[in-house]
């Protein structure tokens, strides 16, 4: 992880759940359109 105002962090886990949402905010910016999405919806 990159950490805001801090050094990078590494975590280990037995299993991982990805629940980070979609990319519609970033896609709307690319298309010069409006979006309902939070600015964090960027799809990385």
ModelCIF file with pLDDT and N, C-alpha, C, O atoms, coordinates in Angstrom:
data_MODEL
#
_entry.id   MODEL 
#
_entity.id                         1 
_entity.type                       polymer 
_entity.pdbx_number_of_molecules   1 
#
_entity_poly.entity_id                      1 
_entity_poly.type                           'polypeptide(L)' 
_entity_poly.nstd_linkage                   no 
_entity_poly.nstd_monomer                   no 
_entity_poly.pdbx_seq_one_letter_code       
;(UNK)(UNK)(UNK)(UNK)(UNK)(UNK)(UNK)(UNK)(UNK)(UNK)(UNK)(UNK)(UNK)(UNK)(UNK)(UNK)
(UNK)(UNK)(UNK)(UNK)(UNK)(UNK)(UNK)(UNK)(UNK)(UNK)(UNK)(UNK)(UNK)(UNK)(UNK)(UNK)
(UNK)(UNK)(UNK)(UNK)(UNK)(UNK)(UNK)(UNK)(UNK)(UNK)(UNK)(UNK)
;
_entity_poly.pdbx_seq_one_letter_code_can   XXXXXXXXXXXXXXXXXXXXXXXXXXXXXXXXXXXXXXXXXXXX 
_entity_poly.pdbx_strand_id                 A 
#
loop_
_entity_poly_seq.entity_id 
_entity_poly_seq.num 
_entity_poly_seq.mon_id 
_entity_poly_seq.hetero 
1 1  UNK n 
1 2  UNK n 
1 3  UNK n 
1 4  UNK n 
1 5  UNK n 
1 6  UNK n 
1 7  UNK n 
1 8  UNK n 
1 9  UNK n 
1 10 UNK n 
1 11 UNK n 
1 12 UNK n 
1 13 UNK n 
1 14 UNK n 
1 15 UNK n 
1 16 UNK n 
1 17 UNK n 
1 18 UNK n 
1 19 UNK n 
1 20 UNK n 
1 21 UNK n 
1 22 UNK n 
1 23 UNK n 
1 24 UNK n 
1 25 UNK n 
1 26 UNK n 
1 27 UNK n 
1 28 UNK n 
1 29 UNK n 
1 30 UNK n 
1 31 UNK n 
1 32 UNK n 
1 33 UNK n 
1 34 UNK n 
1 35 UNK n 
1 36 UNK n 
1 37 UNK n 
1 38 UNK n 
1 39 UNK n 
1 40 UNK n 
1 41 UNK n 
1 42 UNK n 
1 43 UNK n 
1 44 UNK n 
#
_struct_asym.id          A 
_struct_asym.entity_id   1 
#
loop_
_ma_qa_metric.id 
_ma_qa_metric.mode 
_ma_qa_metric.name 
_ma_qa_metric.software_group_id 
_ma_qa_metric.type 
1 global pLDDT . pLDDT 
2 local  pLDDT . pLDDT 
#
_ma_qa_metric_global.metric_id      1 
_ma_qa_metric_global.metric_value   95.09 
_ma_qa_metric_global.model_id       1 
_ma_qa_metric_global.ordinal_id     1 
#
loop_
_ma_qa_metric_local.label_asym_id 
_ma_qa_metric_local.label_comp_id 
_ma_qa_metric_local.label_seq_id 
_ma_qa_metric_local.metric_id 
_ma_qa_metric_local.metric_value 
_ma_qa_metric_local.model_id 
_ma_qa_metric_local.ordinal_id 
A UNK 1  2 97.00 1 1  
A UNK 2  2 97.00 1 2  
A UNK 3  2 96.00 1 3  
A UNK 4  2 92.00 1 4  
A UNK 5  2 89.00 1 5  
A UNK 6  2 91.00 1 6  
A UNK 7  2 93.00 1 7  
A UNK 8  2 95.00 1 8  
A UNK 9  2 95.00 1 9  
A UNK 10 2 96.00 1 10 
A UNK 11 2 97.00 1 11 
A UNK 12 2 96.00 1 12 
A UNK 13 2 97.00 1 13 
A UNK 14 2 97.00 1 14 
A UNK 15 2 98.00 1 15 
A UNK 16 2 98.00 1 16 
A UNK 17 2 98.00 1 17 
A UNK 18 2 98.00 1 18 
A UNK 19 2 98.00 1 19 
A UNK 20 2 98.00 1 20 
A UNK 21 2 96.00 1 21 
A UNK 22 2 97.00 1 22 
A UNK 23 2 97.00 1 23 
A UNK 24 2 96.00 1 24 
A UNK 25 2 95.00 1 25 
A UNK 26 2 96.00 1 26 
A UNK 27 2 96.00 1 27 
A UNK 28 2 95.00 1 28 
A UNK 29 2 96.00 1 29 
A UNK 30 2 96.00 1 30 
A UNK 31 2 95.00 1 31 
A UNK 32 2 93.00 1 32 
A UNK 33 2 92.00 1 33 
A UNK 34 2 91.00 1 34 
A UNK 35 2 93.00 1 35 
A UNK 36 2 92.00 1 36 
A UNK 37 2 93.00 1 37 
A UNK 38 2 91.00 1 38 
A UNK 39 2 93.00 1 39 
A UNK 40 2 92.00 1 40 
A UNK 41 2 94.00 1 41 
A UNK 42 2 96.00 1 42 
A UNK 43 2 96.00 1 43 
A UNK 44 2 97.00 1 44 
#
loop_
_atom_site.group_PDB 
_atom_site.id 
_atom_site.type_symbol 
_atom_site.label_atom_id 
_atom_site.label_alt_id 
_atom_site.label_comp_id 
_atom_site.label_asym_id 
_atom_site.label_entity_id 
_atom_site.label_seq_id 
_atom_site.pdbx_PDB_ins_code 
_atom_site.Cartn_x 
_atom_site.Cartn_y 
_atom_site.Cartn_z 
_atom_site.occupancy 
_atom_site.B_iso_or_equiv 
_atom_site.pdbx_formal_charge 
_atom_site.auth_seq_id 
_atom_site.auth_comp_id 
_atom_site.auth_asym_id 
_atom_site.auth_atom_id 
_atom_site.pdbx_PDB_model_num 
ATOM 1   N N  . UNK A 1 1  ? 0.828   -1.211  0.000   1.00 97.00 ? 1  UNK A N  1 
ATOM 2   C CA . UNK A 1 1  ? 0.000   0.000   0.000   1.00 97.00 ? 1  UNK A CA 1 
ATOM 3   C C  . UNK A 1 1  ? 0.857   1.253   0.000   1.00 97.00 ? 1  UNK A C  1 
ATOM 4   O O  . UNK A 1 1  ? 1.900   1.311   0.652   1.00 97.00 ? 1  UNK A O  1 
ATOM 5   N N  . UNK A 1 2  ? 0.400   2.258   -0.744  1.00 97.00 ? 2  UNK A N  1 
ATOM 6   C CA . UNK A 1 2  ? 0.896   3.612   -0.556  1.00 97.00 ? 2  UNK A CA 1 
ATOM 7   C C  . UNK A 1 2  ? 0.040   4.247   0.523   1.00 97.00 ? 2  UNK A C  1 
ATOM 8   O O  . UNK A 1 2  ? -1.183  4.106   0.522   1.00 97.00 ? 2  UNK A O  1 
ATOM 9   N N  . UNK A 1 3  ? 0.682   4.942   1.436   1.00 96.00 ? 3  UNK A N  1 
ATOM 10  C CA . UNK A 1 3  ? -0.014  5.516   2.580   1.00 96.00 ? 3  UNK A CA 1 
ATOM 11  C C  . UNK A 1 3  ? 0.058   7.035   2.510   1.00 96.00 ? 3  UNK A C  1 
ATOM 12  O O  . UNK A 1 3  ? 1.135   7.613   2.365   1.00 96.00 ? 3  UNK A O  1 
ATOM 13  N N  . UNK A 1 4  ? -1.087  7.663   2.614   1.00 92.00 ? 4  UNK A N  1 
ATOM 14  C CA . UNK A 1 4  ? -1.129  9.122   2.602   1.00 92.00 ? 4  UNK A CA 1 
ATOM 15  C C  . UNK A 1 4  ? -0.365  9.659   3.807   1.00 92.00 ? 4  UNK A C  1 
ATOM 16  O O  . UNK A 1 4  ? -0.636  9.284   4.948   1.00 92.00 ? 4  UNK A O  1 
ATOM 17  N N  . UNK A 1 5  ? 0.578   10.526  3.541   1.00 89.00 ? 5  UNK A N  1 
ATOM 18  C CA . UNK A 1 5  ? 1.380   11.155  4.600   1.00 89.00 ? 5  UNK A CA 1 
ATOM 19  C C  . UNK A 1 5  ? 2.141   10.130  5.433   1.00 89.00 ? 5  UNK A C  1 
ATOM 20  O O  . UNK A 1 5  ? 2.316   10.314  6.638   1.00 89.00 ? 5  UNK A O  1 
ATOM 21  N N  . UNK A 1 6  ? 2.601   9.036   4.789   1.00 91.00 ? 6  UNK A N  1 
ATOM 22  C CA . UNK A 1 6  ? 3.358   8.022   5.516   1.00 91.00 ? 6  UNK A CA 1 
ATOM 23  C C  . UNK A 1 6  ? 4.163   7.152   4.578   1.00 91.00 ? 6  UNK A C  1 
ATOM 24  O O  . UNK A 1 6  ? 4.100   7.304   3.359   1.00 91.00 ? 6  UNK A O  1 
ATOM 25  N N  . UNK A 1 7  ? 4.918   6.241   5.157   1.00 93.00 ? 7  UNK A N  1 
ATOM 26  C CA . UNK A 1 7  ? 5.723   5.317   4.368   1.00 93.00 ? 7  UNK A CA 1 
ATOM 27  C C  . UNK A 1 7  ? 4.860   4.171   3.851   1.00 93.00 ? 7  UNK A C  1 
ATOM 28  O O  . UNK A 1 7  ? 3.832   3.855   4.451   1.00 93.00 ? 7  UNK A O  1 
ATOM 29  N N  . UNK A 1 8  ? 5.262   3.545   2.747   1.00 95.00 ? 8  UNK A N  1 
ATOM 30  C CA . UNK A 1 8  ? 4.519   2.387   2.226   1.00 95.00 ? 8  UNK A CA 1 
ATOM 31  C C  . UNK A 1 8  ? 4.398   1.292   3.285   1.00 95.00 ? 8  UNK A C  1 
ATOM 32  O O  . UNK A 1 8  ? 5.261   1.150   4.150   1.00 95.00 ? 8  UNK A O  1 
ATOM 33  N N  . UNK A 1 9  ? 3.313   0.522   3.202   1.00 95.00 ? 9  UNK A N  1 
ATOM 34  C CA . UNK A 1 9  ? 3.013   -0.536  4.176   1.00 95.00 ? 9  UNK A CA 1 
ATOM 35  C C  . UNK A 1 9  ? 2.765   -1.848  3.446   1.00 95.00 ? 9  UNK A C  1 
ATOM 36  O O  . UNK A 1 9  ? 2.216   -1.856  2.344   1.00 95.00 ? 9  UNK A O  1 
ATOM 37  N N  . UNK A 1 10 ? 3.163   -2.944  4.052   1.00 96.00 ? 10 UNK A N  1 
ATOM 38  C CA . UNK A 1 10 ? 2.903   -4.276  3.513   1.00 96.00 ? 10 UNK A CA 1 
ATOM 39  C C  . UNK A 1 10 ? 2.146   -5.086  4.557   1.00 96.00 ? 10 UNK A C  1 
ATOM 40  O O  . UNK A 1 10 ? 2.505   -5.085  5.735   1.00 96.00 ? 10 UNK A O  1 
ATOM 41  N N  . UNK A 1 11 ? 1.098   -5.777  4.119   1.00 97.00 ? 11 UNK A N  1 
ATOM 42  C CA . UNK A 1 11 ? 0.321   -6.644  5.007   1.00 97.00 ? 11 UNK A CA 1 
ATOM 43  C C  . UNK A 1 11 ? 0.227   -8.039  4.387   1.00 97.00 ? 11 UNK A C  1 
ATOM 44  O O  . UNK A 1 11 ? 0.122   -8.176  3.169   1.00 97.00 ? 11 UNK A O  1 
ATOM 45  N N  . UNK A 1 12 ? 0.266   -9.062  5.224   1.00 96.00 ? 12 UNK A N  1 
ATOM 46  C CA . UNK A 1 12 ? 0.071   -10.445 4.792   1.00 96.00 ? 12 UNK A CA 1 
ATOM 47  C C  . UNK A 1 12 ? -1.286  -10.946 5.269   1.00 96.00 ? 12 UNK A C  1 
ATOM 48  O O  . UNK A 1 12 ? -1.769  -10.545 6.328   1.00 96.00 ? 12 UNK A O  1 
ATOM 49  N N  . UNK A 1 13 ? -1.895  -11.820 4.482   1.00 97.00 ? 13 UNK A N  1 
ATOM 50  C CA . UNK A 1 13 ? -3.203  -12.369 4.860   1.00 97.00 ? 13 UNK A CA 1 
ATOM 51  C C  . UNK A 1 13 ? -3.388  -13.749 4.255   1.00 97.00 ? 13 UNK A C  1 
ATOM 52  O O  . UNK A 1 13 ? -2.856  -14.056 3.189   1.00 97.00 ? 13 UNK A O  1 
ATOM 53  N N  . UNK A 1 14 ? -4.156  -14.578 4.960   1.00 97.00 ? 14 UNK A N  1 
ATOM 54  C CA . UNK A 1 14 ? -4.461  -15.909 4.442   1.00 97.00 ? 14 UNK A CA 1 
ATOM 55  C C  . UNK A 1 14 ? -5.340  -15.851 3.216   1.00 97.00 ? 14 UNK A C  1 
ATOM 56  O O  . UNK A 1 14 ? -5.139  -16.605 2.264   1.00 97.00 ? 14 UNK A O  1 
ATOM 57  N N  . UNK A 1 15 ? -6.319  -14.956 3.235   1.00 98.00 ? 15 UNK A N  1 
ATOM 58  C CA . UNK A 1 15 ? -7.208  -14.737 2.093   1.00 98.00 ? 15 UNK A CA 1 
ATOM 59  C C  . UNK A 1 15 ? -7.441  -13.242 1.934   1.00 98.00 ? 15 UNK A C  1 
ATOM 60  O O  . UNK A 1 15 ? -7.249  -12.465 2.869   1.00 98.00 ? 15 UNK A O  1 
ATOM 61  N N  . UNK A 1 16 ? -7.860  -12.854 0.735   1.00 98.00 ? 16 UNK A N  1 
ATOM 62  C CA . UNK A 1 16 ? -8.092  -11.438 0.442   1.00 98.00 ? 16 UNK A CA 1 
ATOM 63  C C  . UNK A 1 16 ? -9.468  -11.284 -0.194  1.00 98.00 ? 16 UNK A C  1 
ATOM 64  O O  . UNK A 1 16 ? -9.856  -12.067 -1.061  1.00 98.00 ? 16 UNK A O  1 
ATOM 65  N N  . UNK A 1 17 ? -10.199 -10.262 0.248   1.00 98.00 ? 17 UNK A N  1 
ATOM 66  C CA . UNK A 1 17 ? -11.494 -9.913  -0.339  1.00 98.00 ? 17 UNK A CA 1 
ATOM 67  C C  . UNK A 1 17 ? -11.365 -8.549  -1.015  1.00 98.00 ? 17 UNK A C  1 
ATOM 68  O O  . UNK A 1 17 ? -11.073 -7.548  -0.361  1.00 98.00 ? 17 UNK A O  1 
ATOM 69  N N  . UNK A 1 18 ? -11.583 -8.521  -2.321  1.00 98.00 ? 18 UNK A N  1 
ATOM 70  C CA . UNK A 1 18 ? -11.547 -7.260  -3.060  1.00 98.00 ? 18 UNK A CA 1 
ATOM 71  C C  . UNK A 1 18 ? -12.954 -6.676  -3.113  1.00 98.00 ? 18 UNK A C  1 
ATOM 72  O O  . UNK A 1 18 ? -13.877 -7.304  -3.631  1.00 98.00 ? 18 UNK A O  1 
ATOM 73  N N  . UNK A 1 19 ? -13.108 -5.480  -2.576  1.00 98.00 ? 19 UNK A N  1 
ATOM 74  C CA . UNK A 1 19 ? -14.421 -4.819  -2.524  1.00 98.00 ? 19 UNK A CA 1 
ATOM 75  C C  . UNK A 1 19 ? -14.234 -3.328  -2.787  1.00 98.00 ? 19 UNK A C  1 
ATOM 76  O O  . UNK A 1 19 ? -14.822 -2.480  -2.116  1.00 98.00 ? 19 UNK A O  1 
ATOM 77  N N  . UNK A 1 20 ? -13.396 -3.034  -3.785  1.00 98.00 ? 20 UNK A N  1 
ATOM 78  C CA . UNK A 1 20 ? -12.979 -1.654  -4.025  1.00 98.00 ? 20 UNK A CA 1 
ATOM 79  C C  . UNK A 1 20 ? -13.822 -0.919  -5.051  1.00 98.00 ? 20 UNK A C  1 
ATOM 80  O O  . UNK A 1 20 ? -13.466 0.192   -5.444  1.00 98.00 ? 20 UNK A O  1 
ATOM 81  N N  . UNK A 1 21 ? -14.931 -1.502  -5.500  1.00 96.00 ? 21 UNK A N  1 
ATOM 82  C CA . UNK A 1 21 ? -15.837 -0.798  -6.397  1.00 96.00 ? 21 UNK A CA 1 
ATOM 83  C C  . UNK A 1 21 ? -15.371 -0.764  -7.835  1.00 96.00 ? 21 UNK A C  1 
ATOM 84  O O  . UNK A 1 21 ? -14.440 -1.469  -8.223  1.00 96.00 ? 21 UNK A O  1 
ATOM 85  N N  . UNK A 1 22 ? -16.040 0.075   -8.627  1.00 97.00 ? 22 UNK A N  1 
ATOM 86  C CA . UNK A 1 22 ? -15.789 0.140   -10.062 1.00 97.00 ? 22 UNK A CA 1 
ATOM 87  C C  . UNK A 1 22 ? -14.932 1.328   -10.464 1.00 97.00 ? 22 UNK A C  1 
ATOM 88  O O  . UNK A 1 22 ? -14.123 1.822   -9.679  1.00 97.00 ? 22 UNK A O  1 
ATOM 89  N N  . UNK A 1 23 ? -15.123 1.785   -11.711 1.00 97.00 ? 23 UNK A N  1 
ATOM 90  C CA . UNK A 1 23 ? -14.238 2.807   -12.273 1.00 97.00 ? 23 UNK A CA 1 
ATOM 91  C C  . UNK A 1 23 ? -14.990 3.969   -12.927 1.00 97.00 ? 23 UNK A C  1 
ATOM 92  O O  . UNK A 1 23 ? -14.402 4.710   -13.716 1.00 97.00 ? 23 UNK A O  1 
ATOM 93  N N  . UNK A 1 24 ? -16.260 4.139   -12.619 1.00 96.00 ? 24 UNK A N  1 
ATOM 94  C CA . UNK A 1 24 ? -17.067 5.089   -13.385 1.00 96.00 ? 24 UNK A CA 1 
ATOM 95  C C  . UNK A 1 24 ? -16.678 6.549   -13.185 1.00 96.00 ? 24 UNK A C  1 
ATOM 96  O O  . UNK A 1 24 ? -16.906 7.360   -14.083 1.00 96.00 ? 24 UNK A O  1 
ATOM 97  N N  . UNK A 1 25 ? -16.105 6.910   -12.058 1.00 95.00 ? 25 UNK A N  1 
ATOM 98  C CA . UNK A 1 25 ? -15.658 8.295   -11.900 1.00 95.00 ? 25 UNK A CA 1 
ATOM 99  C C  . UNK A 1 25 ? -14.518 8.575   -12.873 1.00 95.00 ? 25 UNK A C  1 
ATOM 100 O O  . UNK A 1 25 ? -14.517 9.593   -13.566 1.00 95.00 ? 25 UNK A O  1 
ATOM 101 N N  . UNK A 1 26 ? -13.546 7.660   -12.919 1.00 96.00 ? 26 UNK A N  1 
ATOM 102 C CA . UNK A 1 26 ? -12.414 7.846   -13.826 1.00 96.00 ? 26 UNK A CA 1 
ATOM 103 C C  . UNK A 1 26 ? -12.857 7.798   -15.278 1.00 96.00 ? 26 UNK A C  1 
ATOM 104 O O  . UNK A 1 26 ? -12.369 8.561   -16.111 1.00 96.00 ? 26 UNK A O  1 
ATOM 105 N N  . UNK A 1 27 ? -13.787 6.895   -15.576 1.00 96.00 ? 27 UNK A N  1 
ATOM 106 C CA . UNK A 1 27 ? -14.259 6.771   -16.955 1.00 96.00 ? 27 UNK A CA 1 
ATOM 107 C C  . UNK A 1 27 ? -15.027 8.021   -17.380 1.00 96.00 ? 27 UNK A C  1 
ATOM 108 O O  . UNK A 1 27 ? -14.898 8.464   -18.521 1.00 96.00 ? 27 UNK A O  1 
ATOM 109 N N  . UNK A 1 28 ? -15.815 8.589   -16.485 1.00 95.00 ? 28 UNK A N  1 
ATOM 110 C CA . UNK A 1 28 ? -16.552 9.813   -16.806 1.00 95.00 ? 28 UNK A CA 1 
ATOM 111 C C  . UNK A 1 28 ? -15.594 10.961  -17.086 1.00 95.00 ? 28 UNK A C  1 
ATOM 112 O O  . UNK A 1 28 ? -15.821 11.752  -18.002 1.00 95.00 ? 28 UNK A O  1 
ATOM 113 N N  . UNK A 1 29 ? -14.526 11.056  -16.303 1.00 96.00 ? 29 UNK A N  1 
ATOM 114 C CA . UNK A 1 29 ? -13.532 12.100  -16.561 1.00 96.00 ? 29 UNK A CA 1 
ATOM 115 C C  . UNK A 1 29 ? -12.891 11.909  -17.927 1.00 96.00 ? 29 UNK A C  1 
ATOM 116 O O  . UNK A 1 29 ? -12.668 12.877  -18.654 1.00 96.00 ? 29 UNK A O  1 
ATOM 117 N N  . UNK A 1 30 ? -12.593 10.655  -18.277 1.00 96.00 ? 30 UNK A N  1 
ATOM 118 C CA . UNK A 1 30 ? -11.974 10.377  -19.571 1.00 96.00 ? 30 UNK A CA 1 
ATOM 119 C C  . UNK A 1 30 ? -12.903 10.762  -20.714 1.00 96.00 ? 30 UNK A C  1 
ATOM 120 O O  . UNK A 1 30 ? -12.455 11.237  -21.757 1.00 96.00 ? 30 UNK A O  1 
ATOM 121 N N  . UNK A 1 31 ? -14.220 10.550  -20.507 1.00 95.00 ? 31 UNK A N  1 
ATOM 122 C CA . UNK A 1 31 ? -15.206 10.847  -21.544 1.00 95.00 ? 31 UNK A CA 1 
ATOM 123 C C  . UNK A 1 31 ? -15.700 12.293  -21.496 1.00 95.00 ? 31 UNK A C  1 
ATOM 124 O O  . UNK A 1 31 ? -16.476 12.712  -22.354 1.00 95.00 ? 31 UNK A O  1 
ATOM 125 N N  . UNK A 1 32 ? -15.252 13.054  -20.499 1.00 93.00 ? 32 UNK A N  1 
ATOM 126 C CA . UNK A 1 32 ? -15.729 14.422  -20.283 1.00 93.00 ? 32 UNK A CA 1 
ATOM 127 C C  . UNK A 1 32 ? -17.241 14.432  -20.036 1.00 93.00 ? 32 UNK A C  1 
ATOM 128 O O  . UNK A 1 32 ? -17.972 15.265  -20.572 1.00 93.00 ? 32 UNK A O  1 
ATOM 129 N N  . UNK A 1 33 ? -17.687 13.480  -19.206 1.00 92.00 ? 33 UNK A N  1 
ATOM 130 C CA . UNK A 1 33 ? -19.096 13.368  -18.845 1.00 92.00 ? 33 UNK A CA 1 
ATOM 131 C C  . UNK A 1 33 ? -19.257 13.529  -17.337 1.00 92.00 ? 33 UNK A C  1 
ATOM 132 O O  . UNK A 1 33 ? -18.277 13.606  -16.596 1.00 92.00 ? 33 UNK A O  1 
ATOM 133 N N  . UNK A 1 34 ? -20.510 13.577  -16.901 1.00 91.00 ? 34 UNK A N  1 
ATOM 134 C CA . UNK A 1 34 ? -20.809 13.619  -15.470 1.00 91.00 ? 34 UNK A CA 1 
ATOM 135 C C  . UNK A 1 34 ? -20.948 12.204  -14.934 1.00 91.00 ? 34 UNK A C  1 
ATOM 136 O O  . UNK A 1 34 ? -21.261 11.277  -15.680 1.00 91.00 ? 34 UNK A O  1 
ATOM 137 N N  . UNK A 1 35 ? -20.717 12.045  -13.648 1.00 93.00 ? 35 UNK A N  1 
ATOM 138 C CA . UNK A 1 35 ? -20.884 10.746  -12.990 1.00 93.00 ? 35 UNK A CA 1 
ATOM 139 C C  . UNK A 1 35 ? -21.473 10.947  -11.609 1.00 93.00 ? 35 UNK A C  1 
ATOM 140 O O  . UNK A 1 35 ? -21.250 11.972  -10.963 1.00 93.00 ? 35 UNK A O  1 
ATOM 141 N N  . UNK A 1 36 ? -22.230 9.951   -11.164 1.00 92.00 ? 36 UNK A N  1 
ATOM 142 C CA . UNK A 1 36 ? -22.760 9.960   -9.802  1.00 92.00 ? 36 UNK A CA 1 
ATOM 143 C C  . UNK A 1 36 ? -21.726 9.497   -8.790  1.00 92.00 ? 36 UNK A C  1 
ATOM 144 O O  . UNK A 1 36 ? -21.951 9.599   -7.584  1.00 92.00 ? 36 UNK A O  1 
ATOM 145 N N  . UNK A 1 37 ? -20.590 8.985   -9.268  1.00 93.00 ? 37 UNK A N  1 
ATOM 146 C CA . UNK A 1 37 ? -19.666 8.242   -8.408  1.00 93.00 ? 37 UNK A CA 1 
ATOM 147 C C  . UNK A 1 37 ? -18.796 9.116   -7.516  1.00 93.00 ? 37 UNK A C  1 
ATOM 148 O O  . UNK A 1 37 ? -18.567 10.295  -7.786  1.00 93.00 ? 37 UNK A O  1 
ATOM 149 N N  . UNK A 1 38 ? -18.323 8.492   -6.444  1.00 91.00 ? 38 UNK A N  1 
ATOM 150 C CA . UNK A 1 38 ? -17.331 9.109   -5.573  1.00 91.00 ? 38 UNK A CA 1 
ATOM 151 C C  . UNK A 1 38 ? -15.997 9.167   -6.335  1.00 91.00 ? 38 UNK A C  1 
ATOM 152 O O  . UNK A 1 38 ? -15.708 8.272   -7.130  1.00 91.00 ? 38 UNK A O  1 
ATOM 153 N N  . UNK A 1 39 ? -15.187 10.199  -6.105  1.00 93.00 ? 39 UNK A N  1 
ATOM 154 C CA . UNK A 1 39 ? -13.899 10.304  -6.807  1.00 93.00 ? 39 UNK A CA 1 
ATOM 155 C C  . UNK A 1 39 ? -12.957 9.122   -6.604  1.00 93.00 ? 39 UNK A C  1 
ATOM 156 O O  . UNK A 1 39 ? -12.000 8.966   -7.362  1.00 93.00 ? 39 UNK A O  1 
ATOM 157 N N  . UNK A 1 40 ? -13.207 8.289   -5.599  1.00 92.00 ? 40 UNK A N  1 
ATOM 158 C CA . UNK A 1 40 ? -12.359 7.114   -5.388  1.00 92.00 ? 40 UNK A CA 1 
ATOM 159 C C  . UNK A 1 40 ? -12.643 5.983   -6.374  1.00 92.00 ? 40 UNK A C  1 
ATOM 160 O O  . UNK A 1 40 ? -11.904 4.999   -6.409  1.00 92.00 ? 40 UNK A O  1 
ATOM 161 N N  . UNK A 1 41 ? -13.701 6.108   -7.174  1.00 94.00 ? 41 UNK A N  1 
ATOM 162 C CA . UNK A 1 41 ? -14.083 5.013   -8.082  1.00 94.00 ? 41 UNK A CA 1 
ATOM 163 C C  . UNK A 1 41 ? -13.254 5.084   -9.356  1.00 94.00 ? 41 UNK A C  1 
ATOM 164 O O  . UNK A 1 41 ? -13.702 5.596   -10.383 1.00 94.00 ? 41 UNK A O  1 
ATOM 165 N N  . UNK A 1 42 ? -12.040 4.562   -9.269  1.00 96.00 ? 42 UNK A N  1 
ATOM 166 C CA . UNK A 1 42 ? -11.091 4.700   -10.374 1.00 96.00 ? 42 UNK A CA 1 
ATOM 167 C C  . UNK A 1 42 ? -10.590 3.374   -10.933 1.00 96.00 ? 42 UNK A C  1 
ATOM 168 O O  . UNK A 1 42 ? -9.887  3.377   -11.944 1.00 96.00 ? 42 UNK A O  1 
ATOM 169 N N  . UNK A 1 43 ? -10.921 2.244   -10.318 1.00 96.00 ? 43 UNK A N  1 
ATOM 170 C CA . UNK A 1 43 ? -10.730 0.939   -10.939 1.00 96.00 ? 43 UNK A CA 1 
ATOM 171 C C  . UNK A 1 43 ? -9.359  0.309   -10.885 1.00 96.00 ? 43 UNK A C  1 
ATOM 172 O O  . UNK A 1 43 ? -9.146  -0.718  -11.528 1.00 96.00 ? 43 UNK A O  1 
ATOM 173 N N  . UNK A 1 44 ? -8.417  0.875   -10.147 1.00 97.00 ? 44 UNK A N  1 
ATOM 174 C CA . UNK A 1 44 ? -7.065  0.302   -10.179 1.00 97.00 ? 44 UNK A CA 1 
ATOM 175 C C  . UNK A 1 44 ? -6.978  -1.072  -9.520  1.00 97.00 ? 44 UNK A C  1 
ATOM 176 O O  . UNK A 1 44 ? -5.903  -1.668  -9.476  1.00 97.00 ? 44 UNK A O  1 
#
